[in-house]
Amino acid sequence: MHKNQVCDSHLCRVCGFYSTEAPWGSSGMDPSFDICPCCGVEWGYEDATPTAIMSYRNAWVASGAQWYDASIVSDGLSLGERLKRLDKS
């Protein structure tokens, strides 16, 4: 993997945030049910289907796509940069 690439299994399906732990487990089938610090989606619940992903993403973006967890420092990427990651996965 190129140093600027990220592992697709570590991306939030809604916003493209890179998590150090795979939100859906290493198999892609075992969700952690943790909350994404970027968009606030609960992995394994609110992102379980393509329709749910798009619905959550659209609502989050419409509300301003604000960083969800103020106790965690933002990764510094723009919304566009994160979403571009999902276009490649």
C-alpha atoms as a PDB file:
ATOM      1  CA  MET A   1       0.000   0.000   0.000  1.00  0.00           C
ATOM      2  CA  HIS A   2       1.304   3.435  -0.920  1.00  0.00           C
ATOM      3  CA  LYS A   3       2.009   5.637   2.103  1.00  0.00           C
ATOM      4  CA  ASN A   4      -0.809   8.052   1.158  1.00  0.00           C
ATOM      5  CA  GLN A   5      -3.400   5.301   0.708  1.00  0.00           C
ATOM      6  CA  VAL A   6      -5.663   4.099   3.480  1.00  0.00           C
ATOM      7  CA  CYS A   7      -7.049   0.631   4.043  1.00  0.00           C
ATOM      8  CA  ASP A   8     -10.640   0.558   2.749  1.00  0.00           C
ATOM      9  CA  SER A   9     -11.755  -1.666   5.646  1.00  0.00           C
ATOM     10  CA  HIS A  10     -10.813   1.142   8.053  1.00  0.00           C
ATOM     11  CA  LEU A  11     -12.988   3.784   6.405  1.00  0.00           C
ATOM     12  CA  CYS A  12     -16.328   4.925   7.728  1.00  0.00           C
ATOM     13  CA  ARG A  13     -18.882   3.971   5.076  1.00  0.00           C
ATOM     14  CA  VAL A  14     -20.713   7.265   5.591  1.00  0.00           C
ATOM     15  CA  CYS A  15     -18.010   9.927   5.675  1.00  0.00           C
ATOM     16  CA  GLY A  16     -14.692   8.291   4.716  1.00  0.00           C
ATOM     17  CA  PHE A  17     -13.061   8.900   8.100  1.00  0.00           C
ATOM     18  CA  TYR A  18     -10.065   6.601   8.647  1.00  0.00           C
ATOM     19  CA  SER A  19     -10.346   4.674  11.922  1.00  0.00           C
ATOM     20  CA  THR A  20      -7.412   2.859  13.492  1.00  0.00           C
ATOM     21  CA  GLU A  21      -9.821  -0.031  14.146  1.00  0.00           C
ATOM     22  CA  ALA A  22     -11.867  -1.414  11.250  1.00  0.00           C
ATOM     23  CA  PRO A  23     -15.468  -0.230  11.856  1.00  0.00           C
ATOM     24  CA  TRP A  24     -16.821  -3.487  10.437  1.00  0.00           C
ATOM     25  CA  GLY A  25     -14.008  -5.737  11.712  1.00  0.00           C
ATOM     26  CA  SER A  26     -11.242  -7.311   9.677  1.00  0.00           C
ATOM     27  CA  SER A  27     -13.774  -9.549   7.919  1.00  0.00           C
ATOM     28  CA  GLY A  28     -15.999  -6.621   6.971  1.00  0.00           C
ATOM     29  CA  MET A  29     -18.885  -8.532   8.539  1.00  0.00           C
ATOM     30  CA  ASP A  30     -18.461  -7.900  12.280  1.00  0.00           C
ATOM     31  CA  PRO A  31     -19.364  -4.292  13.111  1.00  0.00           C
ATOM     32  CA  SER A  32     -17.891  -2.672  16.192  1.00  0.00           C
ATOM     33  CA  PHE A  33     -21.020  -0.613  16.963  1.00  0.00           C
ATOM     34  CA  ASP A  34     -18.674   2.241  17.882  1.00  0.00           C
ATOM     35  CA  ILE A  35     -19.540   5.807  16.942  1.00  0.00           C
ATOM     36  CA  CYS A  36     -17.631   7.565  14.157  1.00  0.00           C
ATOM     37  CA  PRO A  37     -15.984  10.665  15.651  1.00  0.00           C
ATOM     38  CA  CYS A  38     -16.383  12.487  12.354  1.00  0.00           C
ATOM     39  CA  CYS A  39     -20.030  11.988  11.336  1.00  0.00           C
ATOM     40  CA  GLY A  40     -21.511  10.301  14.407  1.00  0.00           C
ATOM     41  CA  VAL A  41     -22.854   7.210  12.658  1.00  0.00           C
ATOM     42  CA  GLU A  42     -23.043   4.036  14.730  1.00  0.00           C
ATOM     43  CA  TRP A  43     -21.060   1.478  12.764  1.00  0.00           C
ATOM     44  CA  GLY A  44     -23.104  -1.647  12.204  1.00  0.00           C
ATOM     45  CA  TYR A  45     -26.446  -0.012  12.861  1.00  0.00           C
ATOM     46  CA  GLU A  46     -26.933   3.189  10.878  1.00  0.00           C
ATOM     47  CA  ASP A  47     -24.626   2.101   8.023  1.00  0.00           C
ATOM     48  CA  ALA A  48     -25.807  -1.457   7.479  1.00  0.00           C
ATOM     49  CA  THR A  49     -27.229  -0.941   3.974  1.00  0.00           C
ATOM     50  CA  PRO A  50     -26.364   1.274   1.001  1.00  0.00           C
ATOM     51  CA  THR A  51     -29.697   3.079   1.451  1.00  0.00           C
ATOM     52  CA  ALA A  52     -28.987   3.731   5.144  1.00  0.00           C
ATOM     53  CA  ILE A  53     -25.488   4.988   4.315  1.00  0.00           C
ATOM     54  CA  MET A  54     -26.765   7.480   1.746  1.00  0.00           C
ATOM     55  CA  SER A  55     -29.617   8.601   3.988  1.00  0.00           C
ATOM     56  CA  TYR A  56     -27.292   9.230   6.943  1.00  0.00           C
ATOM     57  CA  ARG A  57     -24.681  10.923   4.750  1.00  0.00           C
ATOM     58  CA  ASN A  58     -27.232  13.192   3.090  1.00  0.00           C
ATOM     59  CA  ALA A  59     -28.696  14.244   6.452  1.00  0.00           C
ATOM     60  CA  TRP A  60     -25.231  14.840   7.937  1.00  0.00           C
ATOM     61  CA  VAL A  61     -24.089  16.917   4.956  1.00  0.00           C
ATOM     62  CA  ALA A  62     -27.373  18.859   4.893  1.00  0.00           C
ATOM     63  CA  SER A  63     -26.876  19.758   8.552  1.00  0.00           C
ATOM     64  CA  GLY A  64     -23.402  21.153   7.857  1.00  0.00           C
ATOM     65  CA  ALA A  65     -21.197  18.023   8.072  1.00  0.00           C
ATOM     66  CA  GLN A  66     -19.805  19.131  11.415  1.00  0.00           C
ATOM     67  CA  TRP A  67     -17.165  17.092  13.261  1.00  0.00           C
ATOM     68  CA  TYR A  68     -19.189  14.970  15.687  1.00  0.00           C
ATOM     69  CA  ASP A  69     -16.932  14.237  18.674  1.00  0.00           C
ATOM     70  CA  ALA A  70     -15.346  17.405  20.043  1.00  0.00           C
ATOM     71  CA  SER A  71     -13.199  15.340  22.439  1.00  0.00           C
ATOM     72  CA  ILE A  72     -11.305  13.858  19.467  1.00  0.00           C
ATOM     73  CA  VAL A  73      -9.145  16.109  17.316  1.00  0.00           C
ATOM     74  CA  SER A  74     -10.297  16.327  13.708  1.00  0.00           C
ATOM     75  CA  ASP A  75      -8.145  14.565  11.132  1.00  0.00           C
ATOM     76  CA  GLY A  76      -7.900  17.900   9.311  1.00  0.00           C
ATOM     77  CA  LEU A  77      -9.370  16.632   6.048  1.00  0.00           C
ATOM     78  CA  SER A  78     -12.186  18.364   4.227  1.00  0.00           C
ATOM     79  CA  LEU A  79     -15.480  16.633   3.561  1.00  0.00           C
ATOM     80  CA  GLY A  80     -14.516  16.345  -0.090  1.00  0.00           C
ATOM     81  CA  GLU A  81     -11.194  14.689   0.744  1.00  0.00           C
ATOM     82  CA  ARG A  82     -12.898  12.103   2.954  1.00  0.00           C
ATOM     83  CA  LEU A  83     -15.664  11.371   0.467  1.00  0.00           C
ATOM     84  CA  LYS A  84     -13.094  10.988  -2.309  1.00  0.00           C
ATOM     85  CA  ARG A  85     -11.658   8.061  -0.336  1.00  0.00           C
ATOM     86  CA  LEU A  86     -15.020   6.308  -0.658  1.00  0.00           C
ATOM     87  CA  ASP A  87     -15.073   6.786  -4.416  1.00  0.00           C
ATOM     88  CA  LYS A  88     -11.923   4.657  -4.599  1.00  0.00           C
ATOM     89  CA  SER A  89     -13.097   1.884  -2.289  1.00  0.00           C
END
